[in-house]
Every structure is written in structure tokens, then in C-alpha cells.
Protein backbone atom coordinates (compact mmCIF):
# COMPACT_ATOMS: atom_id res chain seq x y z
CA MET A 1 0.00 0.00 0.00
CA LYS A 2 1.19 3.49 -0.80
CA GLN A 3 -0.32 6.93 -0.18
CA GLY A 4 0.19 9.64 -2.75
CA PHE A 5 -1.29 12.69 -4.44
CA PHE A 6 -2.60 12.24 -7.97
CA GLU A 7 -3.35 14.95 -10.52
CA ILE A 8 -6.79 14.84 -12.16
CA ILE A 9 -6.33 14.76 -15.94
CA GLU A 10 -9.83 13.61 -16.97
CA ASN A 11 -13.21 13.23 -15.26
CA THR A 12 -15.89 12.67 -17.90
CA LYS A 13 -19.28 11.00 -18.30
CA LEU A 14 -19.58 7.62 -20.02
CA THR A 15 -23.31 7.18 -19.28
CA ASP A 16 -25.88 9.11 -17.26
CA SER A 17 -24.42 7.70 -14.05
CA VAL A 18 -20.95 6.29 -14.86
CA MET A 19 -17.82 8.46 -14.95
CA ARG A 20 -14.26 7.88 -16.14
CA LEU A 21 -11.54 9.41 -13.95
CA ARG A 22 -7.93 9.46 -15.12
CA LEU A 23 -5.22 10.34 -12.60
CA LYS A 24 -1.49 10.94 -12.92
CA GLY A 25 0.89 9.97 -10.12
CA ASP A 26 2.96 7.22 -8.53
CA THR A 27 1.30 3.93 -9.53
CA SER A 28 4.20 1.68 -8.46
CA ALA A 29 2.20 0.00 -5.66
CA ILE A 30 -0.38 -1.36 -8.13
CA THR A 31 0.83 -4.82 -9.08
CA GLY A 32 -2.02 -6.28 -11.12
CA PRO A 33 -5.68 -6.32 -12.20
CA GLY A 34 -8.36 -6.68 -9.55
CA GLN A 35 -6.75 -4.34 -7.03
CA PHE A 36 -8.43 -1.13 -5.92
CA VAL A 37 -7.62 2.38 -4.73
CA ASN A 38 -9.10 4.35 -1.83
CA ILE A 39 -9.77 8.04 -2.46
CA LYS A 40 -10.01 10.75 0.22
CA LEU A 41 -12.57 13.48 -0.37
CA ASP A 42 -12.75 16.78 1.51
CA GLY A 43 -15.19 16.76 4.40
CA LEU A 44 -15.85 13.02 4.35
CA PHE A 45 -14.45 10.72 7.03
CA LEU A 46 -14.27 7.49 5.04
CA ARG A 47 -12.33 7.12 1.80
CA ARG A 48 -14.11 5.80 -1.31
CA PRO A 49 -12.80 2.42 -2.58
CA ILE A 50 -12.86 2.07 -6.39
CA SER A 51 -11.41 -0.71 -8.55
CA VAL A 52 -8.57 -0.11 -10.98
CA CYS A 53 -9.76 -0.14 -14.59
CA ASP A 54 -6.50 0.55 -16.43
CA LEU A 55 -2.89 1.38 -15.82
CA ASP A 56 -0.47 2.95 -18.28
CA GLY A 57 2.82 4.08 -16.77
CA ASP A 58 2.01 6.83 -14.30
CA THR A 59 -1.59 7.14 -15.49
CA LEU A 60 -4.37 5.41 -13.57
CA THR A 61 -7.92 5.03 -14.91
CA ILE A 62 -10.93 4.26 -12.74
CA LEU A 63 -14.62 4.08 -13.66
CA TYR A 64 -17.20 4.80 -10.99
CA LYS A 65 -20.96 5.08 -10.64
CA VAL A 66 -22.40 8.24 -9.12
CA LEU A 67 -24.57 6.95 -6.30
CA GLY A 68 -24.11 8.88 -3.06
CA LYS A 69 -22.58 11.97 -1.51
CA GLY A 70 -18.98 10.89 -2.06
CA THR A 71 -19.24 9.96 -5.72
CA ARG A 72 -21.38 13.03 -6.45
CA GLN A 73 -18.62 15.17 -4.94
CA LEU A 74 -15.99 13.28 -6.93
CA ALA A 75 -17.93 13.76 -10.18
CA GLU A 76 -17.78 17.54 -9.80
CA LEU A 77 -13.97 17.67 -9.72
CA GLN A 78 -12.32 18.72 -12.97
CA GLU A 79 -8.86 19.74 -11.78
CA GLY A 80 -6.55 19.60 -8.80
CA THR A 81 -5.14 16.66 -6.88
CA LEU A 82 -6.57 13.76 -4.90
CA ASP A 83 -5.12 11.92 -1.88
CA VAL A 84 -5.16 8.26 -2.96
CA LEU A 85 -4.14 4.99 -1.32
CA THR A 86 -2.95 2.57 -4.03
CA GLY A 87 -2.00 -1.09 -4.21
CA LEU A 88 -4.94 -2.31 -2.11
CA GLY A 89 -6.36 -5.84 -2.31
CA ASN A 90 -4.96 -9.07 -3.67
CA GLY A 91 -6.07 -8.90 -7.32
CA TYR A 92 -6.67 -11.71 -9.81
CA ASP A 93 -4.25 -14.60 -10.34
CA LEU A 94 -3.42 -14.69 -14.05
CA SER A 95 -1.54 -17.99 -13.72
CA LEU A 96 -4.90 -19.79 -13.29
CA ALA A 97 -6.36 -18.62 -16.60
CA GLY A 98 -5.56 -21.53 -18.91
CA GLY A 99 -5.82 -20.97 -22.65
CA LYS A 100 -9.40 -19.69 -22.90
CA PRO A 101 -10.31 -17.51 -19.93
CA LEU A 102 -13.80 -16.06 -19.59
CA LEU A 103 -14.23 -12.62 -18.01
CA ILE A 104 -17.67 -11.63 -16.69
CA GLY A 105 -18.50 -8.13 -15.51
CA GLY A 106 -21.85 -6.79 -14.38
CA GLY A 107 -22.49 -3.05 -14.17
CA VAL A 108 -19.77 -1.40 -12.09
CA GLY A 109 -18.11 -4.82 -11.93
CA VAL A 110 -17.00 -4.27 -15.54
CA PRO A 111 -14.00 -1.92 -14.93
CA PRO A 112 -11.53 -4.41 -13.34
CA MET A 113 -12.17 -6.79 -16.25
CA TYR A 114 -10.52 -4.30 -18.62
CA LEU A 115 -7.00 -4.39 -17.19
CA LEU A 116 -7.37 -8.14 -16.68
CA ALA A 117 -8.31 -8.64 -20.34
CA LYS A 118 -5.40 -6.43 -21.41
CA LYS A 119 -2.90 -8.51 -19.40
CA LEU A 120 -4.29 -11.88 -20.50
CA LEU A 121 -4.35 -10.89 -24.17
CA ALA A 122 -0.73 -9.75 -23.86
CA GLU A 123 0.06 -13.30 -22.73
CA GLY A 124 -1.55 -14.70 -25.89
CA LYS A 125 -4.74 -15.97 -24.23
CA ASP A 126 -8.01 -16.43 -26.13
CA VAL A 127 -10.15 -14.04 -24.08
CA THR A 128 -13.96 -13.83 -24.09
CA VAL A 129 -15.70 -11.07 -22.14
CA ILE A 130 -19.36 -10.95 -21.08
CA LEU A 131 -20.68 -7.50 -20.14
CA GLY A 132 -24.01 -7.48 -18.29
CA PHE A 133 -26.33 -4.51 -17.85
CA ASN A 134 -30.01 -3.85 -17.17
CA LYS A 135 -30.57 -1.89 -20.40
CA ALA A 136 -28.71 -0.56 -23.42
CA ASP A 137 -28.23 3.01 -22.20
CA GLU A 138 -26.25 1.69 -19.21
CA LEU A 139 -23.69 -0.01 -21.45
CA PHE A 140 -20.09 1.18 -21.42
CA TYR A 141 -16.66 -0.02 -22.58
CA GLU A 142 -17.90 -2.51 -25.19
CA GLU A 143 -15.78 -0.90 -27.91
CA GLU A 144 -12.77 -0.56 -25.61
CA PHE A 145 -12.75 -4.31 -24.94
CA LYS A 146 -13.11 -5.04 -28.66
CA ALA A 147 -10.20 -2.72 -29.41
CA LEU A 148 -8.02 -4.82 -27.12
CA GLY A 149 -8.82 -7.88 -29.24
CA ALA A 150 -11.23 -9.68 -26.89
CA LYS A 151 -14.40 -11.45 -28.02
CA VAL A 152 -17.25 -9.47 -26.46
CA LEU A 153 -20.79 -10.57 -25.61
CA VAL A 154 -23.33 -8.10 -24.19
CA THR A 155 -26.41 -9.03 -22.18
CA THR A 156 -29.23 -6.74 -21.09
CA ALA A 157 -32.05 -7.73 -18.78
CA ASP A 158 -34.64 -5.99 -20.98
CA GLY A 159 -33.21 -7.20 -24.31
CA SER A 160 -32.50 -3.70 -25.61
CA LYS A 161 -28.92 -4.68 -26.54
CA GLY A 162 -27.22 -7.99 -27.28
CA ILE A 163 -28.51 -11.13 -25.60
CA LYS A 164 -31.74 -10.74 -23.64
CA GLY A 165 -31.29 -11.91 -20.07
CA PHE A 166 -28.42 -12.17 -17.63
CA VAL A 167 -24.72 -12.95 -17.95
CA THR A 168 -25.44 -16.61 -17.15
CA ASP A 169 -27.56 -16.81 -20.32
CA ALA A 170 -24.46 -15.96 -22.34
CA MET A 171 -22.30 -18.48 -20.46
CA ASN A 172 -24.28 -21.59 -21.29
CA ASP A 173 -22.81 -22.46 -24.67
CA LEU A 174 -19.28 -21.17 -24.13
CA ASP A 175 -16.14 -23.27 -23.87
CA TYR A 176 -13.72 -21.77 -21.34
CA SER A 177 -10.79 -22.90 -19.22
CA PHE A 178 -11.31 -20.63 -16.17
CA PHE A 179 -13.44 -17.60 -15.33
CA TYR A 180 -12.97 -14.27 -13.57
CA THR A 181 -15.89 -12.15 -12.46
CA CYS A 182 -16.92 -9.00 -10.61
CA GLY A 183 -20.35 -7.55 -9.97
CA PRO A 184 -23.32 -7.48 -7.59
CA GLU A 185 -23.68 -10.46 -5.27
CA PRO A 186 -26.87 -11.91 -6.86
CA MET A 187 -24.97 -12.09 -10.16
CA LEU A 188 -21.96 -13.72 -8.49
CA LYS A 189 -24.18 -16.35 -6.87
CA ALA A 190 -25.80 -17.14 -10.22
CA ILE A 191 -22.39 -17.49 -11.89
CA TYR A 192 -21.22 -19.76 -9.07
CA LYS A 193 -24.12 -22.13 -9.81
CA ALA A 194 -23.87 -21.90 -13.61
CA SER A 195 -20.09 -22.15 -14.02
CA LYS A 196 -18.45 -25.30 -15.42
CA THR A 197 -14.90 -24.62 -14.22
CA SER A 198 -13.04 -23.08 -11.31
CA GLY A 199 -12.88 -19.30 -11.16
CA GLN A 200 -12.20 -16.19 -9.13
CA PHE A 201 -14.82 -13.78 -7.77
CA SER A 202 -14.19 -10.15 -6.86
CA PHE A 203 -16.60 -8.95 -4.18
CA GLU A 204 -18.03 -5.47 -3.80
CA GLU A 205 -18.20 -4.78 -0.07
CA ARG A 206 -18.67 -1.70 2.12
CA MET A 207 -15.32 -0.90 3.72
CA GLY A 208 -14.03 1.18 6.60
CA CYS A 209 -10.27 1.59 6.44
CA GLY A 210 -9.68 -0.33 3.19
CA PHE A 211 -6.40 -1.92 4.30
CA GLY A 212 -7.32 -4.55 6.90
CA ALA A 213 -7.13 -2.70 10.19
CA CYS A 214 -10.79 -2.34 11.16
CA MET A 215 -12.13 -5.83 10.21
CA GLY A 216 -15.33 -4.15 8.98
CA CYS A 217 -15.52 -6.04 5.69
CA SER A 218 -14.82 -9.58 6.93
CA CYS A 219 -16.59 -12.53 5.32
CA LYS A 220 -16.66 -16.23 6.18
CA THR A 221 -14.82 -18.71 3.95
CA ILE A 222 -14.03 -22.43 4.25
CA THR A 223 -10.70 -21.49 5.86
CA GLY A 224 -12.14 -18.93 8.28
CA TYR A 225 -12.86 -15.22 8.09
CA LYS A 226 -11.14 -13.11 5.44
CA ARG A 227 -11.06 -9.34 5.05
CA ILE A 228 -12.39 -8.34 1.62
CA CYS A 229 -10.06 -5.34 1.56
CA LYS A 230 -6.94 -7.30 2.47
CA GLU A 231 -7.18 -11.05 1.71
CA GLY A 232 -9.73 -10.11 -0.97
CA PRO A 233 -11.49 -8.64 -2.81
CA VAL A 234 -10.75 -11.69 -4.98
CA LEU A 235 -11.70 -15.15 -3.67
CA ARG A 236 -11.41 -18.54 -5.38
CA LYS A 237 -14.67 -20.34 -6.17
CA GLU A 238 -13.78 -23.30 -3.95
CA GLU A 239 -13.36 -21.20 -0.77
CA ILE A 240 -16.62 -19.24 -0.92
CA LEU A 241 -19.41 -19.82 1.59
CA TRP A 242 -22.62 -18.07 0.55
CA GLU A 243 -24.99 -16.57 3.09
CA ASN A 244 -28.67 -17.42 2.66
């Protein structure tokens, strides 16, 4: 983990509620896809944890949904610097991918899939990405994934774009060696039941400190309690214990 000040170089809308924030600073603590950063905002006690979408030298890209007071405040910033903790979380294990990894992102679970796809494609993997949304006007980053060279499938719950239904509807006929996913818990549970191979799940959890000190984001696994911010946010399929 490293604390540093990052210059805002872009903060623009992708959809009505999703923003892209690009920051310039010391990214050396970020070691791989699936990690997150924790951003301090003036007047707010808790930092805002947001997953890493892309990394290019000293430039960090994050995508975030404007939901509450913190993200509304963040969306208004067009210049200046931000106090950011970087290198948080364990990230995805690329060595597990096999030859045909499947990446599944739902809503704001899409961003960490981008850097993961970029890294896996650079290793010569045959990458397929499923992007799940409720409706077409919520869709983002389809073209960016295609530009990387990934095969991209889009699902929408209302059928207004791509395959009508959920990400599991797109999984059924696919041949894949391993899967990686991030998104809301109901989606993760459905993928757990529908998946044909092992995989890794990235969990979205409310956090206090973001680096393992407060124990506020602990969850039960087959090997005991793990902190989503420290031993997670990525957990292997075989260690997950779902709550009712």
C-alpha cells in the first residue's frame, strides 16, 4: 500500500451515471488487475474504494458510478489533486487462466475486467468477455474491450442490446478454461451455480479503512474469516461460503 497525491487529468461521463476518472501519479504499488484504490474526499471521514480499470505508466484510470454523496462530490472535480491509497487488495491470479479464460463483468463490476483482459491478451490468451447490464443506455466499454482484441458478448435484462437476459444466459454455450468475475452479489451467486470450471470472484463490499485494520468487511470462507479489503477482494470459487 502506498499513499500519494494524484493529478486529475480527466473526469468525464460515459453514461448518465458512470464516470471515467484518469489520474497521474505514482502507480508503483499497483501490481495487477483486480486491485483497488481508496480516495479521500474533503469533508468526508471514510475514503471511497474504487477498482482499478486501467494502468499505463504513471496514469491510472478508474470508472465509478455516481450513487451517493462521495461519488457526487468526486464527479464535480475537474482539476486539482486527490489523496489516494494505491495497491490495495490481492487482485486476480493470471496464472490460473488456462488458454481460454472467460471474463464476466456486471455493471460497475466491468472496470476491473478491462485491465485483466489487457494482461491476458498480452500473454496470448483467447479471451472472451461478457458484459451485463439492465438496459442498453447503461452499457459502457464494449468498444474498448473489442479494441483490445477480446471477443465481447453483451447481455441486457430488458433485451434492448445484445442477448436478452443475464450474464449466465451468455455463459451456457461457451467453452472456457477458467473464469474471472466481478459484480453485484446476486450475479456472483448465479455465476457460481452456472459455471463449469473453477474461477475467481471479486466482491463489492462496504469498507471502513480499506487496508485490513478495522475488520469491517470480513466474510466467512471455508478457511475462516477473510477481510475483503486485504485477503480479498478476490476469492477462489472453492473457498466461498454463501450466506442465505
